[in-house]
């Protein structure tokens, strides 16, 4: 258990973006992730250097278990994935893995939601 897991008080439902097909965008079955939602409005740059308004940042463990299956957060929070947290529908714009490594700092992922 991570040292910051005590702050994981919010629940996000994530539908991972899997690509675009003949019938439009495709998403994986929803999974539920416990984490922490930091609401705020700031301007951020996307991976394509577009400027967007960021609604919030969702912090979650690097790995989690949902219905007996272990997931890696990095894979679940793909850019353009759909996320519902606190009743609000958002999309993933960027994600960052924070590995504490030999420093002993808590491992987690940061997800920018727009």
PDB file of N, CA and C in Angstrom:
ATOM      1  N   UNK A   1       0.846  -1.182   0.000  1.00  0.00           N
ATOM      2  CA  UNK A   1       0.000   0.000   0.000  1.00  0.00           C
ATOM      3  C   UNK A   1       0.890   1.244   0.000  1.00  0.00           C
ATOM      4  N   UNK A   2       0.553   2.180  -0.838  1.00  0.00           N
ATOM      5  CA  UNK A   2       1.329   3.403  -0.994  1.00  0.00           C
ATOM      6  C   UNK A   2       1.109   4.340   0.180  1.00  0.00           C
ATOM      7  N   UNK A   3       2.121   5.162   0.460  1.00  0.00           N
ATOM      8  CA  UNK A   3       2.025   6.131   1.550  1.00  0.00           C
ATOM      9  C   UNK A   3       0.961   7.182   1.282  1.00  0.00           C
ATOM     10  N   UNK A   4       0.628   7.410   0.015  1.00  0.00           N
ATOM     11  CA  UNK A   4      -0.389   8.423  -0.277  1.00  0.00           C
ATOM     12  C   UNK A   4      -1.779   7.828  -0.483  1.00  0.00           C
ATOM     13  N   UNK A   5      -1.921   6.513  -0.327  1.00  0.00           N
ATOM     14  CA  UNK A   5      -3.210   5.867  -0.569  1.00  0.00           C
ATOM     15  C   UNK A   5      -4.297   6.348   0.387  1.00  0.00           C
ATOM     16  N   UNK A   6      -3.914   6.892   1.536  1.00  0.00           N
ATOM     17  CA  UNK A   6      -4.925   7.417   2.468  1.00  0.00           C
ATOM     18  C   UNK A   6      -5.664   8.604   1.847  1.00  0.00           C
ATOM     19  N   UNK A   7      -5.075   9.242   0.849  1.00  0.00           N
ATOM     20  CA  UNK A   7      -5.717  10.371   0.178  1.00  0.00           C
ATOM     21  C   UNK A   7      -6.614   9.931  -0.975  1.00  0.00           C
ATOM     22  N   UNK A   8      -6.587   8.663  -1.330  1.00  0.00           N
ATOM     23  CA  UNK A   8      -7.379   8.163  -2.447  1.00  0.00           C
ATOM     24  C   UNK A   8      -8.830   7.969  -1.991  1.00  0.00           C
ATOM     25  N   UNK A   9      -9.577   9.065  -1.975  1.00  0.00           N
ATOM     26  CA  UNK A   9     -10.947   9.068  -1.456  1.00  0.00           C
ATOM     27  C   UNK A   9     -12.002   9.212  -2.551  1.00  0.00           C
ATOM     28  N   UNK A  10     -11.563   9.420  -3.788  1.00  0.00           N
ATOM     29  CA  UNK A  10     -12.494   9.581  -4.897  1.00  0.00           C
ATOM     30  C   UNK A  10     -12.480   8.339  -5.780  1.00  0.00           C
ATOM     31  N   UNK A  11     -13.547   8.159  -6.527  1.00  0.00           N
ATOM     32  CA  UNK A  11     -13.663   7.024  -7.428  1.00  0.00           C
ATOM     33  C   UNK A  11     -13.855   7.527  -8.853  1.00  0.00           C
ATOM     34  N   UNK A  12     -13.097   6.987  -9.778  1.00  0.00           N
ATOM     35  CA  UNK A  12     -13.219   7.337 -11.191  1.00  0.00           C
ATOM     36  C   UNK A  12     -13.568   6.085 -11.985  1.00  0.00           C
ATOM     37  N   UNK A  13     -14.491   6.227 -12.907  1.00  0.00           N
ATOM     38  CA  UNK A  13     -14.807   5.151 -13.839  1.00  0.00           C
ATOM     39  C   UNK A  13     -14.104   5.488 -15.152  1.00  0.00           C
ATOM     40  N   UNK A  14     -13.250   4.580 -15.603  1.00  0.00           N
ATOM     41  CA  UNK A  14     -12.404   4.839 -16.770  1.00  0.00           C
ATOM     42  C   UNK A  14     -12.772   3.882 -17.903  1.00  0.00           C
ATOM     43  N   UNK A  15     -13.030   4.454 -19.076  1.00  0.00           N
ATOM     44  CA  UNK A  15     -13.224   3.674 -20.293  1.00  0.00           C
ATOM     45  C   UNK A  15     -12.029   3.996 -21.194  1.00  0.00           C
ATOM     46  N   UNK A  16     -11.107   3.059 -21.273  1.00  0.00           N
ATOM     47  CA  UNK A  16      -9.850   3.271 -21.985  1.00  0.00           C
ATOM     48  C   UNK A  16     -10.081   3.376 -23.487  1.00  0.00           C
ATOM     49  N   UNK A  17      -9.513   4.430 -24.075  1.00  0.00           N
ATOM     50  CA  UNK A  17      -9.586   4.623 -25.527  1.00  0.00           C
ATOM     51  C   UNK A  17      -8.739   3.560 -26.207  1.00  0.00           C
ATOM     52  N   UNK A  18      -9.347   2.811 -27.139  1.00  0.00           N
ATOM     53  CA  UNK A  18      -8.622   1.734 -27.810  1.00  0.00           C
ATOM     54  C   UNK A  18      -8.368   2.021 -29.288  1.00  0.00           C
ATOM     55  N   UNK A  19      -8.908   3.130 -29.796  1.00  0.00           N
ATOM     56  CA  UNK A  19      -8.662   3.494 -31.190  1.00  0.00           C
ATOM     57  C   UNK A  19      -9.945   3.879 -31.901  1.00  0.00           C
ATOM     58  N   UNK A  20      -9.790   4.173 -33.168  1.00  0.00           N
ATOM     59  CA  UNK A  20     -10.925   4.556 -33.997  1.00  0.00           C
ATOM     60  C   UNK A  20     -11.133   3.489 -35.051  1.00  0.00           C
ATOM     61  N   UNK A  21     -12.376   3.053 -35.161  1.00  0.00           N
ATOM     62  CA  UNK A  21     -12.699   2.021 -36.136  1.00  0.00           C
ATOM     63  C   UNK A  21     -13.747   2.498 -37.118  1.00  0.00           C
ATOM     64  N   UNK A  22     -14.351   1.563 -37.803  1.00  0.00           N
ATOM     65  CA  UNK A  22     -15.356   1.876 -38.819  1.00  0.00           C
ATOM     66  C   UNK A  22     -16.583   2.556 -38.224  1.00  0.00           C
ATOM     67  N   UNK A  23     -16.838   2.313 -36.948  1.00  0.00           N
ATOM     68  CA  UNK A  23     -18.019   2.879 -36.297  1.00  0.00           C
ATOM     69  C   UNK A  23     -17.673   4.014 -35.343  1.00  0.00           C
ATOM     70  N   UNK A  24     -16.487   4.576 -35.469  1.00  0.00           N
ATOM     71  CA  UNK A  24     -16.071   5.694 -34.618  1.00  0.00           C
ATOM     72  C   UNK A  24     -15.099   5.246 -33.540  1.00  0.00           C
ATOM     73  N   UNK A  25     -14.999   6.067 -32.498  1.00  0.00           N
ATOM     74  CA  UNK A  25     -14.065   5.786 -31.409  1.00  0.00           C
ATOM     75  C   UNK A  25     -14.507   4.545 -30.639  1.00  0.00           C
ATOM     76  N   UNK A  26     -13.521   3.759 -30.205  1.00  0.00           N
ATOM     77  CA  UNK A  26     -13.795   2.528 -29.455  1.00  0.00           C
ATOM     78  C   UNK A  26     -13.155   2.628 -28.079  1.00  0.00           C
ATOM     79  N   UNK A  27     -13.856   2.072 -27.086  1.00  0.00           N
ATOM     80  CA  UNK A  27     -13.399   2.126 -25.699  1.00  0.00           C
ATOM     81  C   UNK A  27     -13.518   0.747 -25.065  1.00  0.00           C
ATOM     82  N   UNK A  28     -12.608   0.447 -24.148  1.00  0.00           N
ATOM     83  CA  UNK A  28     -12.646  -0.809 -23.397  1.00  0.00           C
ATOM     84  C   UNK A  28     -13.765  -0.741 -22.363  1.00  0.00           C
ATOM     85  N   UNK A  29     -14.091  -1.893 -21.810  1.00  0.00           N
ATOM     86  CA  UNK A  29     -15.108  -1.945 -20.753  1.00  0.00           C
ATOM     87  C   UNK A  29     -14.656  -1.077 -19.581  1.00  0.00           C
ATOM     88  N   UNK A  30     -15.592  -0.419 -18.898  1.00  0.00           N
ATOM     89  CA  UNK A  30     -15.215   0.478 -17.804  1.00  0.00           C
ATOM     90  C   UNK A  30     -14.597  -0.256 -16.617  1.00  0.00           C
ATOM     91  N   UNK A  31     -13.604   0.386 -16.007  1.00  0.00           N
ATOM     92  CA  UNK A  31     -13.017  -0.087 -14.759  1.00  0.00           C
ATOM     93  C   UNK A  31     -13.092   1.056 -13.749  1.00  0.00           C
ATOM     94  N   UNK A  32     -13.107   0.704 -12.481  1.00  0.00           N
ATOM     95  CA  UNK A  32     -13.204   1.694 -11.409  1.00  0.00           C
ATOM     96  C   UNK A  32     -11.855   1.816 -10.715  1.00  0.00           C
ATOM     97  N   UNK A  33     -11.393   3.062 -10.560  1.00  0.00           N
ATOM     98  CA  UNK A  33     -10.091   3.337  -9.955  1.00  0.00           C
ATOM     99  C   UNK A  33     -10.288   4.275  -8.770  1.00  0.00           C
ATOM    100  N   UNK A  34      -9.726   3.915  -7.620  1.00  0.00           N
ATOM    101  CA  UNK A  34      -9.726   4.809  -6.463  1.00  0.00           C
ATOM    102  C   UNK A  34      -8.547   5.753  -6.606  1.00  0.00           C
ATOM    103  N   UNK A  35      -8.758   7.034  -6.276  1.00  0.00           N
ATOM    104  CA  UNK A  35      -7.689   8.011  -6.381  1.00  0.00           C
ATOM    105  C   UNK A  35      -8.079   9.302  -5.699  1.00  0.00           C
ATOM    106  N   UNK A  36      -7.390  10.358  -6.069  1.00  0.00           N
ATOM    107  CA  UNK A  36      -7.653  11.680  -5.491  1.00  0.00           C
ATOM    108  C   UNK A  36      -7.846  12.674  -6.622  1.00  0.00           C
ATOM    109  N   UNK A  37      -8.949  13.404  -6.579  1.00  0.00           N
ATOM    110  CA  UNK A  37      -9.249  14.412  -7.588  1.00  0.00           C
ATOM    111  C   UNK A  37      -8.878  15.783  -7.067  1.00  0.00           C
ATOM    112  N   UNK A  38      -7.989  16.455  -7.782  1.00  0.00           N
ATOM    113  CA  UNK A  38      -7.585  17.823  -7.450  1.00  0.00           C
ATOM    114  C   UNK A  38      -8.231  18.733  -8.490  1.00  0.00           C
ATOM    115  N   UNK A  39      -9.347  19.363  -8.111  1.00  0.00           N
ATOM    116  CA  UNK A  39     -10.056  20.249  -9.027  1.00  0.00           C
ATOM    117  C   UNK A  39      -9.334  21.564  -9.174  1.00  0.00           C
ATOM    118  N   UNK A  40      -9.330  22.065 -10.373  1.00  0.00           N
ATOM    119  CA  UNK A  40      -8.724  23.358 -10.631  1.00  0.00           C
ATOM    120  C   UNK A  40      -8.827  23.678 -12.106  1.00  0.00           C
ATOM    121  N   UNK A  41      -8.683  24.907 -12.444  1.00  0.00           N
ATOM    122  CA  UNK A  41      -8.735  25.309 -13.841  1.00  0.00           C
ATOM    123  C   UNK A  41      -7.443  26.035 -14.184  1.00  0.00           C
ATOM    124  N   UNK A  42      -6.657  25.447 -15.069  1.00  0.00           N
ATOM    125  CA  UNK A  42      -5.416  26.057 -15.532  1.00  0.00           C
ATOM    126  C   UNK A  42      -5.303  25.797 -17.033  1.00  0.00           C
ATOM    127  N   UNK A  43      -4.435  26.519 -17.701  1.00  0.00           N
ATOM    128  CA  UNK A  43      -4.179  26.283 -19.117  1.00  0.00           C
ATOM    129  C   UNK A  43      -3.004  25.331 -19.260  1.00  0.00           C
ATOM    130  N   UNK A  44      -3.164  24.310 -20.092  1.00  0.00           N
ATOM    131  CA  UNK A  44      -2.110  23.321 -20.322  1.00  0.00           C
ATOM    132  C   UNK A  44      -1.921  23.139 -21.813  1.00  0.00           C
ATOM    133  N   UNK A  45      -0.792  22.564 -22.194  1.00  0.00           N
ATOM    134  CA  UNK A  45      -0.532  22.229 -23.596  1.00  0.00           C
ATOM    135  C   UNK A  45      -0.690  20.723 -23.768  1.00  0.00           C
ATOM    136  N   UNK A  46      -1.376  20.334 -24.820  1.00  0.00           N
ATOM    137  CA  UNK A  46      -1.569  18.917 -25.105  1.00  0.00           C
ATOM    138  C   UNK A  46      -0.322  18.368 -25.775  1.00  0.00           C
ATOM    139  N   UNK A  47      -0.328  17.068 -26.063  1.00  0.00           N
ATOM    140  CA  UNK A  47       0.805  16.441 -26.735  1.00  0.00           C
ATOM    141  C   UNK A  47       1.052  17.005 -28.130  1.00  0.00           C
ATOM    142  N   UNK A  48       0.028  17.641 -28.725  1.00  0.00           N
ATOM    143  CA  UNK A  48       0.175  18.245 -30.052  1.00  0.00           C
ATOM    144  C   UNK A  48       0.377  19.752 -29.958  1.00  0.00           C
ATOM    145  N   UNK A  49       0.742  20.238 -28.786  1.00  0.00           N
ATOM    146  CA  UNK A  49       1.041  21.648 -28.508  1.00  0.00           C
ATOM    147  C   UNK A  49      -0.167  22.580 -28.590  1.00  0.00           C
ATOM    148  N   UNK A  50      -1.368  22.026 -28.558  1.00  0.00           N
ATOM    149  CA  UNK A  50      -2.556  22.863 -28.495  1.00  0.00           C
ATOM    150  C   UNK A  50      -2.745  23.317 -27.053  1.00  0.00           C
ATOM    151  N   UNK A  51      -3.276  24.505 -26.877  1.00  0.00           N
ATOM    152  CA  UNK A  51      -3.538  25.003 -25.532  1.00  0.00           C
ATOM    153  C   UNK A  51      -4.975  24.656 -25.161  1.00  0.00           C
ATOM    154  N   UNK A  52      -5.143  24.017 -24.002  1.00  0.00           N
ATOM    155  CA  UNK A  52      -6.468  23.627 -23.539  1.00  0.00           C
ATOM    156  C   UNK A  52      -6.631  23.999 -22.074  1.00  0.00           C
ATOM    157  N   UNK A  53      -7.869  24.136 -21.676  1.00  0.00           N
ATOM    158  CA  UNK A  53      -8.176  24.376 -20.280  1.00  0.00           C
ATOM    159  C   UNK A  53      -8.271  23.030 -19.573  1.00  0.00           C
ATOM    160  N   UNK A  54      -7.516  22.878 -18.523  1.00  0.00           N
ATOM    161  CA  UNK A  54      -7.524  21.637 -17.764  1.00  0.00           C
ATOM    162  C   UNK A  54      -8.484  21.780 -16.601  1.00  0.00           C
ATOM    163  N   UNK A  55      -9.374  20.842 -16.462  1.00  0.00           N
ATOM    164  CA  UNK A  55     -10.346  20.903 -15.379  1.00  0.00           C
ATOM    165  C   UNK A  55      -9.755  20.422 -14.052  1.00  0.00           C
ATOM    166  N   UNK A  56      -9.004  19.347 -14.104  1.00  0.00           N
ATOM    167  CA  UNK A  56      -8.515  18.772 -12.857  1.00  0.00           C
ATOM    168  C   UNK A  56      -7.402  17.762 -13.116  1.00  0.00           C
ATOM    169  N   UNK A  57      -6.781  17.340 -12.023  1.00  0.00           N
ATOM    170  CA  UNK A  57      -5.764  16.285 -12.060  1.00  0.00           C
ATOM    171  C   UNK A  57      -6.256  15.156 -11.162  1.00  0.00           C
ATOM    172  N   UNK A  58      -6.184  13.939 -11.668  1.00  0.00           N
ATOM    173  CA  UNK A  58      -6.565  12.765 -10.899  1.00  0.00           C
ATOM    174  C   UNK A  58      -5.296  12.002 -10.561  1.00  0.00           C
ATOM    175  N   UNK A  59      -5.074  11.744  -9.280  1.00  0.00           N
ATOM    176  CA  UNK A  59      -3.912  10.991  -8.802  1.00  0.00           C
ATOM    177  C   UNK A  59      -4.383   9.578  -8.453  1.00  0.00           C
ATOM    178  N   UNK A  60      -3.649   8.573  -8.897  1.00  0.00           N
ATOM    179  CA  UNK A  60      -4.030   7.186  -8.646  1.00  0.00           C
ATOM    180  C   UNK A  60      -2.773   6.348  -8.450  1.00  0.00           C
ATOM    181  N   UNK A  61      -2.930   5.160  -7.865  1.00  0.00           N
ATOM    182  CA  UNK A  61      -1.760   4.275  -7.715  1.00  0.00           C
ATOM    183  C   UNK A  61      -1.266   3.807  -9.079  1.00  0.00           C
ATOM    184  N   UNK A  62       0.008   3.402  -9.144  1.00  0.00           N
ATOM    185  CA  UNK A  62       0.558   2.891 -10.411  1.00  0.00           C
ATOM    186  C   UNK A  62      -0.140   1.611 -10.847  1.00  0.00           C
ATOM    187  N   UNK A  63      -0.524   0.777  -9.887  1.00  0.00           N
ATOM    188  CA  UNK A  63      -1.286  -0.435 -10.182  1.00  0.00           C
ATOM    189  C   UNK A  63      -2.470  -0.499  -9.224  1.00  0.00           C
ATOM    190  N   UNK A  64      -3.521  -1.152  -9.654  1.00  0.00           N
ATOM    191  CA  UNK A  64      -4.695  -1.319  -8.801  1.00  0.00           C
ATOM    192  C   UNK A  64      -5.404  -2.606  -9.185  1.00  0.00           C
ATOM    193  N   UNK A  65      -6.259  -3.085  -8.292  1.00  0.00           N
ATOM    194  CA  UNK A  65      -7.022  -4.305  -8.539  1.00  0.00           C
ATOM    195  C   UNK A  65      -8.490  -3.930  -8.628  1.00  0.00           C
ATOM    196  N   UNK A  66      -9.158  -4.372  -9.692  1.00  0.00           N
ATOM    197  CA  UNK A  66     -10.597  -4.160  -9.864  1.00  0.00           C
ATOM    198  C   UNK A  66     -11.231  -5.485 -10.247  1.00  0.00           C
ATOM    199  N   UNK A  67     -12.179  -5.920  -9.459  1.00  0.00           N
ATOM    200  CA  UNK A  67     -12.875  -7.187  -9.657  1.00  0.00           C
ATOM    201  C   UNK A  67     -11.898  -8.346  -9.853  1.00  0.00           C
ATOM    202  N   UNK A  68     -10.881  -8.382  -9.013  1.00  0.00           N
ATOM    203  CA  UNK A  68      -9.930  -9.477  -9.004  1.00  0.00           C
ATOM    204  C   UNK A  68      -8.852  -9.426 -10.084  1.00  0.00           C
ATOM    205  N   UNK A  69      -8.859  -8.388 -10.919  1.00  0.00           N
ATOM    206  CA  UNK A  69      -7.865  -8.261 -11.986  1.00  0.00           C
ATOM    207  C   UNK A  69      -6.944  -7.101 -11.659  1.00  0.00           C
ATOM    208  N   UNK A  70      -5.629  -7.327 -11.784  1.00  0.00           N
ATOM    209  CA  UNK A  70      -4.671  -6.248 -11.537  1.00  0.00           C
ATOM    210  C   UNK A  70      -4.444  -5.470 -12.828  1.00  0.00           C
ATOM    211  N   UNK A  71      -4.545  -4.149 -12.721  1.00  0.00           N
ATOM    212  CA  UNK A  71      -4.350  -3.249 -13.855  1.00  0.00           C
ATOM    213  C   UNK A  71      -3.156  -2.351 -13.597  1.00  0.00           C
ATOM    214  N   UNK A  72      -2.548  -1.870 -14.663  1.00  0.00           N
ATOM    215  CA  UNK A  72      -1.503  -0.853 -14.590  1.00  0.00           C
ATOM    216  C   UNK A  72      -2.153   0.462 -15.002  1.00  0.00           C
ATOM    217  N   UNK A  73      -2.138   1.442 -14.105  1.00  0.00           N
ATOM    218  CA  UNK A  73      -2.828   2.705 -14.366  1.00  0.00           C
ATOM    219  C   UNK A  73      -2.367   3.357 -15.663  1.00  0.00           C
ATOM    220  N   UNK A  74      -1.085   3.252 -15.963  1.00  0.00           N
ATOM    221  CA  UNK A  74      -0.543   3.880 -17.164  1.00  0.00           C
ATOM    222  C   UNK A  74      -1.300   3.389 -18.399  1.00  0.00           C
ATOM    223  N   UNK A  75      -1.606   2.095 -18.451  1.00  0.00           N
ATOM    224  CA  UNK A  75      -2.306   1.514 -19.597  1.00  0.00           C
ATOM    225  C   UNK A  75      -3.787   1.879 -19.614  1.00  0.00           C
ATOM    226  N   UNK A  76      -4.383   2.036 -18.461  1.00  0.00           N
ATOM    227  CA  UNK A  76      -5.814   2.338 -18.370  1.00  0.00           C
ATOM    228  C   UNK A  76      -6.098   3.783 -18.755  1.00  0.00           C
ATOM    229  N   UNK A  77      -5.241   4.701 -18.315  1.00  0.00           N
ATOM    230  CA  UNK A  77      -5.456   6.126 -18.567  1.00  0.00           C
ATOM    231  C   UNK A  77      -4.778   6.580 -19.866  1.00  0.00           C
ATOM    232  N   UNK A  78      -5.080   5.919 -20.973  1.00  0.00           N
ATOM    233  CA  UNK A  78      -4.551   6.322 -22.273  1.00  0.00           C
ATOM    234  C   UNK A  78      -5.133   7.693 -22.636  1.00  0.00           C
ATOM    235  N   UNK A  79      -4.371   8.540 -23.336  1.00  0.00           N
ATOM    236  CA  UNK A  79      -4.946   9.808 -23.801  1.00  0.00           C
ATOM    237  C   UNK A  79      -6.229   9.560 -24.604  1.00  0.00           C
ATOM    238  N   UNK A  80      -7.197  10.442 -24.430  1.00  0.00           N
ATOM    239  CA  UNK A  80      -8.529  10.396 -25.046  1.00  0.00           C
ATOM    240  C   UNK A  80      -9.461   9.389 -24.393  1.00  0.00           C
ATOM    241  N   UNK A  81      -9.024   8.725 -23.316  1.00  0.00           N
ATOM    242  CA  UNK A  81      -9.928   7.847 -22.584  1.00  0.00           C
ATOM    243  C   UNK A  81     -10.998   8.678 -21.903  1.00  0.00           C
ATOM    244  N   UNK A  82     -12.165   8.080 -21.723  1.00  0.00           N
ATOM    245  CA  UNK A  82     -13.276   8.741 -21.046  1.00  0.00           C
ATOM    246  C   UNK A  82     -13.206   8.429 -19.556  1.00  0.00           C
ATOM    247  N   UNK A  83     -13.343   9.463 -18.733  1.00  0.00           N
ATOM    248  CA  UNK A  83     -13.292   9.305 -17.285  1.00  0.00           C
ATOM    249  C   UNK A  83     -14.496  10.017 -16.683  1.00  0.00           C
ATOM    250  N   UNK A  84     -15.183   9.343 -15.783  1.00  0.00           N
ATOM    251  CA  UNK A  84     -16.264   9.971 -15.026  1.00  0.00           C
ATOM    252  C   UNK A  84     -15.851   9.969 -13.567  1.00  0.00           C
ATOM    253  N   UNK A  85     -15.756  11.167 -12.997  1.00  0.00           N
ATOM    254  CA  UNK A  85     -15.364  11.307 -11.597  1.00  0.00           C
ATOM    255  C   UNK A  85     -16.217  12.411 -10.985  1.00  0.00           C
ATOM    256  N   UNK A  86     -16.726  12.147  -9.792  1.00  0.00           N
ATOM    257  CA  UNK A  86     -17.632  13.080  -9.118  1.00  0.00           C
ATOM    258  C   UNK A  86     -18.814  13.456 -10.004  1.00  0.00           C
ATOM    259  N   UNK A  87     -19.290  12.504 -10.800  1.00  0.00           N
ATOM    260  CA  UNK A  87     -20.442  12.732 -11.658  1.00  0.00           C
ATOM    261  C   UNK A  87     -20.160  13.546 -12.907  1.00  0.00           C
ATOM    262  N   UNK A  88     -18.911  13.888 -13.151  1.00  0.00           N
ATOM    263  CA  UNK A  88     -18.556  14.715 -14.303  1.00  0.00           C
ATOM    264  C   UNK A  88     -17.779  13.879 -15.326  1.00  0.00           C
ATOM    265  N   UNK A  89     -18.205  13.993 -16.581  1.00  0.00           N
ATOM    266  CA  UNK A  89     -17.523  13.283 -17.656  1.00  0.00           C
ATOM    267  C   UNK A  89     -16.362  14.122 -18.171  1.00  0.00           C
ATOM    268  N   UNK A  90     -15.185  13.505 -18.270  1.00  0.00           N
ATOM    269  CA  UNK A  90     -13.965  14.178 -18.730  1.00  0.00           C
ATOM    270  C   UNK A  90     -13.248  13.266 -19.713  1.00  0.00           C
ATOM    271  N   UNK A  91     -12.174  13.786 -20.294  1.00  0.00           N
ATOM    272  CA  UNK A  91     -11.284  13.004 -21.140  1.00  0.00           C
ATOM    273  C   UNK A  91      -9.851  13.181 -20.646  1.00  0.00           C
ATOM    274  N   UNK A  92      -9.042  12.157 -20.843  1.00  0.00           N
ATOM    275  CA  UNK A  92      -7.626  12.223 -20.486  1.00  0.00           C
ATOM    276  C   UNK A  92      -6.891  13.004 -21.563  1.00  0.00           C
ATOM    277  N   UNK A  93      -6.157  14.054 -21.150  1.00  0.00           N
ATOM    278  CA  UNK A  93      -5.330  14.769 -22.125  1.00  0.00           C
ATOM    279  C   UNK A  93      -3.871  14.333 -22.017  1.00  0.00           C
ATOM    280  N   UNK A  94      -3.375  14.172 -20.813  1.00  0.00           N
ATOM    281  CA  UNK A  94      -1.985  13.741 -20.590  1.00  0.00           C
ATOM    282  C   UNK A  94      -1.935  12.884 -19.332  1.00  0.00           C
ATOM    283  N   UNK A  95      -0.847  12.149 -19.169  1.00  0.00           N
ATOM    284  CA  UNK A  95      -0.624  11.344 -17.961  1.00  0.00           C
ATOM    285  C   UNK A  95       0.864  11.312 -17.678  1.00  0.00           C
ATOM    286  N   UNK A  96       1.186  11.228 -16.397  1.00  0.00           N
ATOM    287  CA  UNK A  96       2.585  11.184 -15.976  1.00  0.00           C
ATOM    288  C   UNK A  96       2.746  10.113 -14.907  1.00  0.00           C
ATOM    289  N   UNK A  97       3.774   9.300 -15.063  1.00  0.00           N
ATOM    290  CA  UNK A  97       4.093   8.289 -14.065  1.00  0.00           C
ATOM    291  C   UNK A  97       5.100   8.875 -13.091  1.00  0.00           C
ATOM    292  N   UNK A  98       4.822   8.769 -11.820  1.00  0.00           N
ATOM    293  CA  UNK A  98       5.717   9.280 -10.777  1.00  0.00           C
ATOM    294  C   UNK A  98       6.211   8.099  -9.943  1.00  0.00           C
ATOM    295  N   UNK A  99       7.409   7.630 -10.270  1.00  0.00           N
ATOM    296  CA  UNK A  99       8.015   6.496  -9.586  1.00  0.00           C
ATOM    297  C   UNK A  99       9.049   7.032  -8.603  1.00  0.00           C
ATOM    298  N   UNK A 100       8.834   6.787  -7.312  1.00  0.00           N
ATOM    299  CA  UNK A 100       9.731   7.286  -6.277  1.00  0.00           C
ATOM    300  C   UNK A 100      11.092   6.618  -6.275  1.00  0.00           C
ATOM    301  N   UNK A 101      11.173   5.428  -6.867  1.00  0.00           N
ATOM    302  CA  UNK A 101      12.448   4.715  -6.985  1.00  0.00           C
ATOM    303  C   UNK A 101      13.175   4.557  -5.665  1.00  0.00           C
ATOM    304  N   UNK A 102      14.477   4.739  -5.694  1.00  0.00           N
ATOM    305  CA  UNK A 102      15.312   4.522  -4.512  1.00  0.00           C
ATOM    306  C   UNK A 102      15.120   5.611  -3.452  1.00  0.00           C
ATOM    307  N   UNK A 103      14.417   6.691  -3.801  1.00  0.00           N
ATOM    308  CA  UNK A 103      14.168   7.743  -2.811  1.00  0.00           C
ATOM    309  C   UNK A 103      13.113   7.347  -1.772  1.00  0.00           C
ATOM    310  N   UNK A 104      12.349   6.314  -2.085  1.00  0.00           N
ATOM    311  CA  UNK A 104      11.318   5.873  -1.156  1.00  0.00           C
ATOM    312  C   UNK A 104      10.073   6.740  -1.174  1.00  0.00           C
ATOM    313  N   UNK A 105       9.940   7.592  -2.191  1.00  0.00           N
ATOM    314  CA  UNK A 105       8.747   8.428  -2.314  1.00  0.00           C
ATOM    315  C   UNK A 105       7.596   7.599  -2.869  1.00  0.00           C
ATOM    316  N   UNK A 106       6.352   8.001  -2.624  1.00  0.00           N
ATOM    317  CA  UNK A 106       5.221   7.199  -3.076  1.00  0.00           C
ATOM    318  C   UNK A 106       5.084   7.177  -4.605  1.00  0.00           C
ATOM    319  N   UNK A 107       4.876   5.984  -5.147  1.00  0.00           N
ATOM    320  CA  UNK A 107       4.644   5.811  -6.583  1.00  0.00           C
ATOM    321  C   UNK A 107       3.190   6.122  -6.888  1.00  0.00           C
ATOM    322  N   UNK A 108       2.952   6.827  -7.993  1.00  0.00           N
ATOM    323  CA  UNK A 108       1.591   7.120  -8.409  1.00  0.00           C
ATOM    324  C   UNK A 108       1.596   7.620  -9.845  1.00  0.00           C
ATOM    325  N   UNK A 109       0.396   7.820 -10.393  1.00  0.00           N
ATOM    326  CA  UNK A 109       0.231   8.384 -11.721  1.00  0.00           C
ATOM    327  C   UNK A 109      -0.586   9.664 -11.582  1.00  0.00           C
ATOM    328  N   UNK A 110      -0.257  10.655 -12.395  1.00  0.00           N
ATOM    329  CA  UNK A 110      -1.015  11.910 -12.447  1.00  0.00           C
ATOM    330  C   UNK A 110      -1.687  11.980 -13.813  1.00  0.00           C
ATOM    331  N   UNK A 111      -2.995  12.228 -13.823  1.00  0.00           N
ATOM    332  CA  UNK A 111      -3.762  12.242 -15.061  1.00  0.00           C
ATOM    333  C   UNK A 111      -4.416  13.612 -15.222  1.00  0.00           C
ATOM    334  N   UNK A 112      -4.118  14.299 -16.326  1.00  0.00           N
ATOM    335  CA  UNK A 112      -4.750  15.584 -16.623  1.00  0.00           C
ATOM    336  C   UNK A 112      -6.088  15.303 -17.286  1.00  0.00           C
ATOM    337  N   UNK A 113      -7.150  15.865 -16.724  1.00  0.00           N
ATOM    338  CA  UNK A 113      -8.499  15.671 -17.249  1.00  0.00           C
ATOM    339  C   UNK A 113      -9.028  16.983 -17.818  1.00  0.00           C
ATOM    340  N   UNK A 114      -9.626  16.906 -18.988  1.00  0.00           N
ATOM    341  CA  UNK A 114     -10.237  18.084 -19.599  1.00  0.00           C
ATOM    342  C   UNK A 114     -11.692  17.793 -19.928  1.00  0.00           C
TER     343      UNK A 114
END
